[in-house]
């Protein structure tokens, strides 16, 4: 309903969704085991087929249906549609604690955006349609890649020169050491807070995605609590907002 409203007042929302828990549940049902490295699912050929089925299939269409039911006009896409997201394989390095030897970890079909072509998103937005994007990419060899949804959202925001990137999560925003919400941060302050350990754990990749988006020309990136009713509207239409603006 919030996406429908902001579309009606002349903004152009693009929705990017994830689906980790649903992917996990489907892999469990099919008795396919998956391992994680730094929060990223190691994705072999069998797993990436399930990932695509869940993300570009059931979840994507559920979000599209919900927006349409609320009176909007939404269309579901994945990064494969109209060449939206060309991906490259993501590599991670780890250091063996005993030998201190660095080794490269093969995450399989886990990718990151290499090139983004937002022409299809602009065409849809100009035609009163809300695009809903599943974070799947492809490469020139026709391989399918699972990409972190936050990363995709940041890359699309940068490529669209968006005025705002809104990251919906399950905390109220970036908290200081006493647990108090910090409503505004600069990129430099974010780096300092990472160095002193205030920004840690799962918040690090979210903040880094926000910083990347701002560096690419997005006016501001906001981390907000997606569980708060109408949190997006509070952020966009009230003076104090509802999360942390970077």
C-alpha atoms as a PDB file:
ATOM      1  CA  UNK A   1       0.000   0.000   0.000  1.00  0.00           C
ATOM      2  CA  UNK A   2       2.877   2.377   0.780  1.00  0.00           C
ATOM      3  CA  UNK A   3       4.493   1.673  -2.612  1.00  0.00           C
ATOM      4  CA  UNK A   4       1.156   2.358  -4.328  1.00  0.00           C
ATOM      5  CA  UNK A   5       0.805   5.675  -2.461  1.00  0.00           C
ATOM      6  CA  UNK A   6       4.288   6.979  -3.256  1.00  0.00           C
ATOM      7  CA  UNK A   7       3.721   6.023  -6.906  1.00  0.00           C
ATOM      8  CA  UNK A   8       0.436   7.972  -6.903  1.00  0.00           C
ATOM      9  CA  UNK A   9       2.138  11.135  -5.592  1.00  0.00           C
ATOM     10  CA  UNK A  10       4.657  11.086  -8.442  1.00  0.00           C
ATOM     11  CA  UNK A  11       7.641   9.149  -7.109  1.00  0.00           C
ATOM     12  CA  UNK A  12       9.009   6.077  -8.884  1.00  0.00           C
ATOM     13  CA  UNK A  13       9.621   3.237  -6.408  1.00  0.00           C
ATOM     14  CA  UNK A  14      11.632   0.182  -7.475  1.00  0.00           C
ATOM     15  CA  UNK A  15      11.252  -2.753  -5.067  1.00  0.00           C
ATOM     16  CA  UNK A  16      14.070  -5.281  -4.560  1.00  0.00           C
ATOM     17  CA  UNK A  17      13.393  -8.296  -2.319  1.00  0.00           C
ATOM     18  CA  UNK A  18      15.431 -11.123  -0.840  1.00  0.00           C
ATOM     19  CA  UNK A  19      14.282 -14.518   0.345  1.00  0.00           C
ATOM     20  CA  UNK A  20      16.905 -16.286   2.451  1.00  0.00           C
ATOM     21  CA  UNK A  21      14.501 -18.010   4.879  1.00  0.00           C
ATOM     22  CA  UNK A  22      12.212 -19.211   2.061  1.00  0.00           C
ATOM     23  CA  UNK A  23      15.188 -20.553   0.085  1.00  0.00           C
ATOM     24  CA  UNK A  24      16.410 -22.351   3.207  1.00  0.00           C
ATOM     25  CA  UNK A  25      12.983 -23.902   3.785  1.00  0.00           C
ATOM     26  CA  UNK A  26      12.708 -25.129   0.182  1.00  0.00           C
ATOM     27  CA  UNK A  27      16.235 -26.608   0.212  1.00  0.00           C
ATOM     28  CA  UNK A  28      15.326 -28.414   3.433  1.00  0.00           C
ATOM     29  CA  UNK A  29      12.141 -29.791   1.870  1.00  0.00           C
ATOM     30  CA  UNK A  30      14.177 -31.098  -1.071  1.00  0.00           C
ATOM     31  CA  UNK A  31      16.942 -32.418   1.235  1.00  0.00           C
ATOM     32  CA  UNK A  32      19.633 -30.232  -0.377  1.00  0.00           C
ATOM     33  CA  UNK A  33      22.303 -29.232   2.157  1.00  0.00           C
ATOM     34  CA  UNK A  34      23.822 -25.739   2.012  1.00  0.00           C
ATOM     35  CA  UNK A  35      26.769 -24.153   3.810  1.00  0.00           C
ATOM     36  CA  UNK A  36      27.486 -20.497   4.529  1.00  0.00           C
ATOM     37  CA  UNK A  37      30.660 -18.381   4.426  1.00  0.00           C
ATOM     38  CA  UNK A  38      30.451 -14.858   5.947  1.00  0.00           C
ATOM     39  CA  UNK A  39      26.665 -14.998   5.661  1.00  0.00           C
ATOM     40  CA  UNK A  40      26.769 -15.956   1.965  1.00  0.00           C
ATOM     41  CA  UNK A  41      25.219 -19.239   0.861  1.00  0.00           C
ATOM     42  CA  UNK A  42      27.618 -21.490  -1.079  1.00  0.00           C
ATOM     43  CA  UNK A  43      25.566 -22.127  -4.195  1.00  0.00           C
ATOM     44  CA  UNK A  44      26.131 -25.125  -6.497  1.00  0.00           C
ATOM     45  CA  UNK A  45      24.171 -25.860  -9.692  1.00  0.00           C
ATOM     46  CA  UNK A  46      21.360 -27.708  -7.877  1.00  0.00           C
ATOM     47  CA  UNK A  47      21.051 -24.936  -5.291  1.00  0.00           C
ATOM     48  CA  UNK A  48      21.028 -22.052  -7.776  1.00  0.00           C
ATOM     49  CA  UNK A  49      18.084 -23.650  -9.604  1.00  0.00           C
ATOM     50  CA  UNK A  50      16.107 -23.663  -6.341  1.00  0.00           C
ATOM     51  CA  UNK A  51      17.259 -20.120  -5.515  1.00  0.00           C
ATOM     52  CA  UNK A  52      15.972 -18.876  -8.868  1.00  0.00           C
ATOM     53  CA  UNK A  53      12.721 -20.815  -8.517  1.00  0.00           C
ATOM     54  CA  UNK A  54      12.000 -19.330  -5.067  1.00  0.00           C
ATOM     55  CA  UNK A  55      13.219 -15.749  -5.691  1.00  0.00           C
ATOM     56  CA  UNK A  56      12.033 -15.134  -9.267  1.00  0.00           C
ATOM     57  CA  UNK A  57       9.009 -17.410  -8.810  1.00  0.00           C
ATOM     58  CA  UNK A  58       6.993 -17.612  -5.617  1.00  0.00           C
ATOM     59  CA  UNK A  59       8.356 -14.611  -3.648  1.00  0.00           C
ATOM     60  CA  UNK A  60       8.525 -12.222  -6.601  1.00  0.00           C
ATOM     61  CA  UNK A  61       4.990 -13.006  -7.691  1.00  0.00           C
ATOM     62  CA  UNK A  62       3.673 -12.749  -4.110  1.00  0.00           C
ATOM     63  CA  UNK A  63       5.079  -9.203  -3.789  1.00  0.00           C
ATOM     64  CA  UNK A  64       3.723  -8.269  -7.230  1.00  0.00           C
ATOM     65  CA  UNK A  65       0.285  -9.631  -6.322  1.00  0.00           C
ATOM     66  CA  UNK A  66       0.262  -7.750  -2.991  1.00  0.00           C
ATOM     67  CA  UNK A  67       1.030  -4.419  -4.713  1.00  0.00           C
ATOM     68  CA  UNK A  68      -1.595  -5.056  -7.396  1.00  0.00           C
ATOM     69  CA  UNK A  69      -4.122  -5.995  -4.706  1.00  0.00           C
ATOM     70  CA  UNK A  70      -3.428  -2.662  -2.978  1.00  0.00           C
ATOM     71  CA  UNK A  71      -4.412  -0.837  -6.167  1.00  0.00           C
ATOM     72  CA  UNK A  72      -1.050  -0.494  -7.885  1.00  0.00           C
ATOM     73  CA  UNK A  73       0.343  -1.894 -11.107  1.00  0.00           C
ATOM     74  CA  UNK A  74       3.444  -3.989 -10.428  1.00  0.00           C
ATOM     75  CA  UNK A  75       5.552  -6.160 -12.748  1.00  0.00           C
ATOM     76  CA  UNK A  76       8.047  -8.777 -11.554  1.00  0.00           C
ATOM     77  CA  UNK A  77      11.544  -9.030 -13.010  1.00  0.00           C
ATOM     78  CA  UNK A  78      14.815 -10.764 -12.292  1.00  0.00           C
ATOM     79  CA  UNK A  79      18.250  -9.524 -13.283  1.00  0.00           C
ATOM     80  CA  UNK A  80      17.991 -11.723 -16.386  1.00  0.00           C
ATOM     81  CA  UNK A  81      15.125  -9.680 -17.850  1.00  0.00           C
ATOM     82  CA  UNK A  82      16.164  -7.185 -20.546  1.00  0.00           C
ATOM     83  CA  UNK A  83      19.800  -7.609 -19.471  1.00  0.00           C
ATOM     84  CA  UNK A  84      19.129  -5.825 -16.177  1.00  0.00           C
ATOM     85  CA  UNK A  85      21.997  -7.332 -14.125  1.00  0.00           C
ATOM     86  CA  UNK A  86      25.104  -8.882 -15.642  1.00  0.00           C
ATOM     87  CA  UNK A  87      26.924 -10.646 -12.830  1.00  0.00           C
ATOM     88  CA  UNK A  88      30.432 -11.856 -12.099  1.00  0.00           C
ATOM     89  CA  UNK A  89      31.399 -14.592  -9.682  1.00  0.00           C
ATOM     90  CA  UNK A  90      31.962 -13.313  -6.141  1.00  0.00           C
ATOM     91  CA  UNK A  91      35.130 -14.526  -4.443  1.00  0.00           C
ATOM     92  CA  UNK A  92      35.984 -14.415  -0.756  1.00  0.00           C
ATOM     93  CA  UNK A  93      39.359 -14.948   0.870  1.00  0.00           C
ATOM     94  CA  UNK A  94      39.950 -16.425   4.311  1.00  0.00           C
ATOM     95  CA  UNK A  95      43.097 -16.779   6.403  1.00  0.00           C
ATOM     96  CA  UNK A  96      43.895 -20.129   8.008  1.00  0.00           C
ATOM     97  CA  UNK A  97      44.366 -19.315  11.728  1.00  0.00           C
ATOM     98  CA  UNK A  98      47.193 -21.864  12.146  1.00  0.00           C
ATOM     99  CA  UNK A  99      49.306 -21.346   9.027  1.00  0.00           C
ATOM    100  CA  UNK A 100      48.201 -17.735   8.305  1.00  0.00           C
ATOM    101  CA  UNK A 101      47.974 -18.780   4.646  1.00  0.00           C
ATOM    102  CA  UNK A 102      45.309 -16.916   2.692  1.00  0.00           C
ATOM    103  CA  UNK A 103      43.034 -19.050   0.539  1.00  0.00           C
ATOM    104  CA  UNK A 104      40.321 -18.140  -1.961  1.00  0.00           C
ATOM    105  CA  UNK A 105      36.910 -19.632  -1.188  1.00  0.00           C
ATOM    106  CA  UNK A 106      34.744 -20.833  -4.056  1.00  0.00           C
ATOM    107  CA  UNK A 107      31.158 -19.799  -3.343  1.00  0.00           C
ATOM    108  CA  UNK A 108      29.866 -21.372  -6.565  1.00  0.00           C
ATOM    109  CA  UNK A 109      27.104 -19.429  -8.302  1.00  0.00           C
ATOM    110  CA  UNK A 110      27.145 -16.477  -5.907  1.00  0.00           C
ATOM    111  CA  UNK A 111      27.641 -13.248  -7.808  1.00  0.00           C
ATOM    112  CA  UNK A 112      27.907  -9.501  -7.622  1.00  0.00           C
ATOM    113  CA  UNK A 113      26.670  -6.966 -10.187  1.00  0.00           C
ATOM    114  CA  UNK A 114      29.262  -6.349 -12.923  1.00  0.00           C
ATOM    115  CA  UNK A 115      27.035  -4.224 -15.175  1.00  0.00           C
ATOM    116  CA  UNK A 116      23.540  -2.822 -14.664  1.00  0.00           C
ATOM    117  CA  UNK A 117      21.269  -1.712 -17.529  1.00  0.00           C
ATOM    118  CA  UNK A 118      18.294   0.123 -16.028  1.00  0.00           C
ATOM    119  CA  UNK A 119      16.533   0.930 -19.337  1.00  0.00           C
ATOM    120  CA  UNK A 120      13.709  -1.532 -18.584  1.00  0.00           C
ATOM    121  CA  UNK A 121      13.169  -0.015 -15.099  1.00  0.00           C
ATOM    122  CA  UNK A 122      12.898   3.487 -16.562  1.00  0.00           C
ATOM    123  CA  UNK A 123      10.452   2.295 -19.245  1.00  0.00           C
ATOM    124  CA  UNK A 124       8.225   0.651 -16.639  1.00  0.00           C
ATOM    125  CA  UNK A 125       8.406   3.629 -14.249  1.00  0.00           C
ATOM    126  CA  UNK A 126       7.399   6.052 -17.007  1.00  0.00           C
ATOM    127  CA  UNK A 127       4.383   3.848 -17.715  1.00  0.00           C
ATOM    128  CA  UNK A 128       3.012   3.991 -14.163  1.00  0.00           C
ATOM    129  CA  UNK A 129       4.346   0.509 -13.324  1.00  0.00           C
ATOM    130  CA  UNK A 130       6.192  -0.453 -10.110  1.00  0.00           C
ATOM    131  CA  UNK A 131       9.073  -2.837 -10.933  1.00  0.00           C
ATOM    132  CA  UNK A 132       9.683  -5.648  -8.415  1.00  0.00           C
ATOM    133  CA  UNK A 133      13.170  -7.133  -8.833  1.00  0.00           C
ATOM    134  CA  UNK A 134      14.414 -10.566  -7.736  1.00  0.00           C
ATOM    135  CA  UNK A 135      18.189 -10.506  -7.043  1.00  0.00           C
ATOM    136  CA  UNK A 136      19.276 -12.977  -9.714  1.00  0.00           C
ATOM    137  CA  UNK A 137      21.986 -12.162 -12.274  1.00  0.00           C
ATOM    138  CA  UNK A 138      23.443 -13.809 -15.354  1.00  0.00           C
ATOM    139  CA  UNK A 139      26.714 -13.806 -17.284  1.00  0.00           C
ATOM    140  CA  UNK A 140      27.730 -14.070 -20.954  1.00  0.00           C
ATOM    141  CA  UNK A 141      28.015 -17.848 -20.575  1.00  0.00           C
ATOM    142  CA  UNK A 142      24.344 -18.061 -19.586  1.00  0.00           C
ATOM    143  CA  UNK A 143      25.128 -18.937 -15.960  1.00  0.00           C
ATOM    144  CA  UNK A 144      22.688 -17.893 -13.242  1.00  0.00           C
ATOM    145  CA  UNK A 145      23.950 -16.160 -10.084  1.00  0.00           C
ATOM    146  CA  UNK A 146      22.443 -15.621  -6.648  1.00  0.00           C
ATOM    147  CA  UNK A 147      23.197 -12.030  -5.554  1.00  0.00           C
ATOM    148  CA  UNK A 148      22.671 -10.465  -2.134  1.00  0.00           C
ATOM    149  CA  UNK A 149      19.444  -8.416  -2.291  1.00  0.00           C
ATOM    150  CA  UNK A 150      20.939  -5.400  -0.464  1.00  0.00           C
ATOM    151  CA  UNK A 151      23.790  -5.332  -3.003  1.00  0.00           C
ATOM    152  CA  UNK A 152      21.330  -5.407  -5.911  1.00  0.00           C
ATOM    153  CA  UNK A 153      19.237  -2.612  -4.361  1.00  0.00           C
ATOM    154  CA  UNK A 154      22.352  -0.456  -3.946  1.00  0.00           C
ATOM    155  CA  UNK A 155      23.565  -1.122  -7.498  1.00  0.00           C
ATOM    156  CA  UNK A 156      20.163  -0.283  -9.006  1.00  0.00           C
ATOM    157  CA  UNK A 157      19.852   2.873  -6.877  1.00  0.00           C
ATOM    158  CA  UNK A 158      23.278   4.017  -8.071  1.00  0.00           C
ATOM    159  CA  UNK A 159      22.544   3.250 -11.726  1.00  0.00           C
ATOM    160  CA  UNK A 160      19.195   5.080 -11.510  1.00  0.00           C
ATOM    161  CA  UNK A 161      20.715   8.111  -9.704  1.00  0.00           C
ATOM    162  CA  UNK A 162      17.934   7.575  -7.167  1.00  0.00           C
ATOM    163  CA  UNK A 163      17.181  10.275  -4.623  1.00  0.00           C
ATOM    164  CA  UNK A 164      16.852   7.617  -1.898  1.00  0.00           C
ATOM    165  CA  UNK A 165      17.929   4.050  -1.211  1.00  0.00           C
ATOM    166  CA  UNK A 166      15.742   2.599   1.552  1.00  0.00           C
ATOM    167  CA  UNK A 167      17.093  -0.536   3.241  1.00  0.00           C
ATOM    168  CA  UNK A 168      14.345  -2.264   5.243  1.00  0.00           C
ATOM    169  CA  UNK A 169      15.697  -4.463   8.024  1.00  0.00           C
ATOM    170  CA  UNK A 170      14.718  -5.767  11.487  1.00  0.00           C
ATOM    171  CA  UNK A 171      16.412  -3.091  13.626  1.00  0.00           C
ATOM    172  CA  UNK A 172      15.524   0.595  13.944  1.00  0.00           C
ATOM    173  CA  UNK A 173      18.696   1.751  12.141  1.00  0.00           C
ATOM    174  CA  UNK A 174      22.341   2.281  13.132  1.00  0.00           C
ATOM    175  CA  UNK A 175      22.643   2.334  16.923  1.00  0.00           C
ATOM    176  CA  UNK A 176      25.388   3.916  19.027  1.00  0.00           C
ATOM    177  CA  UNK A 177      27.206   1.978  21.776  1.00  0.00           C
ATOM    178  CA  UNK A 178      24.396   2.682  24.264  1.00  0.00           C
ATOM    179  CA  UNK A 179      21.770   1.330  21.831  1.00  0.00           C
ATOM    180  CA  UNK A 180      20.371   4.743  20.831  1.00  0.00           C
ATOM    181  CA  UNK A 181      19.382   5.364  17.204  1.00  0.00           C
ATOM    182  CA  UNK A 182      21.687   7.690  15.246  1.00  0.00           C
ATOM    183  CA  UNK A 183      19.339   9.543  12.849  1.00  0.00           C
ATOM    184  CA  UNK A 184      22.017  11.060  10.559  1.00  0.00           C
ATOM    185  CA  UNK A 185      25.519   9.956   9.589  1.00  0.00           C
ATOM    186  CA  UNK A 186      28.067  11.076   7.007  1.00  0.00           C
ATOM    187  CA  UNK A 187      30.194   8.578   5.064  1.00  0.00           C
ATOM    188  CA  UNK A 188      33.244   9.652   7.124  1.00  0.00           C
ATOM    189  CA  UNK A 189      31.366   9.072  10.401  1.00  0.00           C
ATOM    190  CA  UNK A 190      30.340   5.601   9.181  1.00  0.00           C
ATOM    191  CA  UNK A 191      33.986   4.687   8.573  1.00  0.00           C
ATOM    192  CA  UNK A 192      34.930   5.898  12.073  1.00  0.00           C
ATOM    193  CA  UNK A 193      32.075   3.908  13.672  1.00  0.00           C
ATOM    194  CA  UNK A 194      33.209   0.765  11.838  1.00  0.00           C
ATOM    195  CA  UNK A 195      36.763   1.254  13.050  1.00  0.00           C
ATOM    196  CA  UNK A 196      35.739   1.654  16.698  1.00  0.00           C
ATOM    197  CA  UNK A 197      33.365  -1.340  16.517  1.00  0.00           C
ATOM    198  CA  UNK A 198      30.082   0.582  16.938  1.00  0.00           C
ATOM    199  CA  UNK A 199      28.949  -0.648  13.515  1.00  0.00           C
ATOM    200  CA  UNK A 200      29.504  -4.414  13.584  1.00  0.00           C
ATOM    201  CA  UNK A 201      28.150  -7.787  12.464  1.00  0.00           C
ATOM    202  CA  UNK A 202      25.318  -7.810   9.953  1.00  0.00           C
ATOM    203  CA  UNK A 203      25.103  -4.001   9.952  1.00  0.00           C
ATOM    204  CA  UNK A 204      28.533  -3.688   8.261  1.00  0.00           C
ATOM    205  CA  UNK A 205      27.449  -4.922   4.782  1.00  0.00           C
ATOM    206  CA  UNK A 206      24.257  -2.821   4.962  1.00  0.00           C
ATOM    207  CA  UNK A 207      26.180   0.353   5.792  1.00  0.00           C
ATOM    208  CA  UNK A 208      28.811  -0.414   3.123  1.00  0.00           C
ATOM    209  CA  UNK A 209      26.057  -0.843   0.521  1.00  0.00           C
ATOM    210  CA  UNK A 210      24.634   2.546   1.577  1.00  0.00           C
ATOM    211  CA  UNK A 211      28.086   4.165   1.315  1.00  0.00           C
ATOM    212  CA  UNK A 212      28.625   2.657  -2.173  1.00  0.00           C
ATOM    213  CA  UNK A 213      25.229   3.978  -3.310  1.00  0.00           C
ATOM    214  CA  UNK A 214      25.956   7.487  -1.987  1.00  0.00           C
ATOM    215  CA  UNK A 215      29.380   7.419  -3.678  1.00  0.00           C
ATOM    216  CA  UNK A 216      27.620   6.480  -6.934  1.00  0.00           C
ATOM    217  CA  UNK A 217      25.416   9.576  -6.733  1.00  0.00           C
ATOM    218  CA  UNK A 218      22.397   8.538  -4.651  1.00  0.00           C
ATOM    219  CA  UNK A 219      21.423  11.602  -2.558  1.00  0.00           C
ATOM    220  CA  UNK A 220      20.887   9.624   0.627  1.00  0.00           C
ATOM    221  CA  UNK A 221      20.650   6.028   1.819  1.00  0.00           C
ATOM    222  CA  UNK A 222      18.461   5.115   4.785  1.00  0.00           C
ATOM    223  CA  UNK A 223      18.465   2.036   7.017  1.00  0.00           C
ATOM    224  CA  UNK A 224      14.988   1.676   8.547  1.00  0.00           C
ATOM    225  CA  UNK A 225      12.958  -0.855  10.492  1.00  0.00           C
ATOM    226  CA  UNK A 226      10.764  -2.656   7.957  1.00  0.00           C
ATOM    227  CA  UNK A 227       8.520  -3.930  10.766  1.00  0.00           C
ATOM    228  CA  UNK A 228       7.271  -0.422  11.625  1.00  0.00           C
ATOM    229  CA  UNK A 229       3.896   0.219   9.920  1.00  0.00           C
ATOM    230  CA  UNK A 230       4.353   2.799   7.134  1.00  0.00           C
ATOM    231  CA  UNK A 231       8.057   3.214   7.993  1.00  0.00           C
ATOM    232  CA  UNK A 232       8.826   4.204   4.392  1.00  0.00           C
ATOM    233  CA  UNK A 233       6.178   6.945   4.460  1.00  0.00           C
ATOM    234  CA  UNK A 234       7.439   8.214   7.836  1.00  0.00           C
ATOM    235  CA  UNK A 235      10.949   8.387   6.391  1.00  0.00           C
ATOM    236  CA  UNK A 236       9.976  10.175   3.177  1.00  0.00           C
ATOM    237  CA  UNK A 237       7.257  12.516   4.419  1.00  0.00           C
ATOM    238  CA  UNK A 238       8.201  13.542   7.988  1.00  0.00           C
ATOM    239  CA  UNK A 239      10.934  15.914   9.078  1.00  0.00           C
ATOM    240  CA  UNK A 240      12.705  13.490  11.427  1.00  0.00           C
ATOM    241  CA  UNK A 241      12.281  10.331   9.357  1.00  0.00           C
ATOM    242  CA  UNK A 242      12.311   6.895  10.929  1.00  0.00           C
ATOM    243  CA  UNK A 243      15.799   5.429  10.558  1.00  0.00           C
ATOM    244  CA  UNK A 244      19.456   6.329   9.940  1.00  0.00           C
ATOM    245  CA  UNK A 245      20.106   8.581   6.931  1.00  0.00           C
ATOM    246  CA  UNK A 246      23.601   8.351   5.415  1.00  0.00           C
END
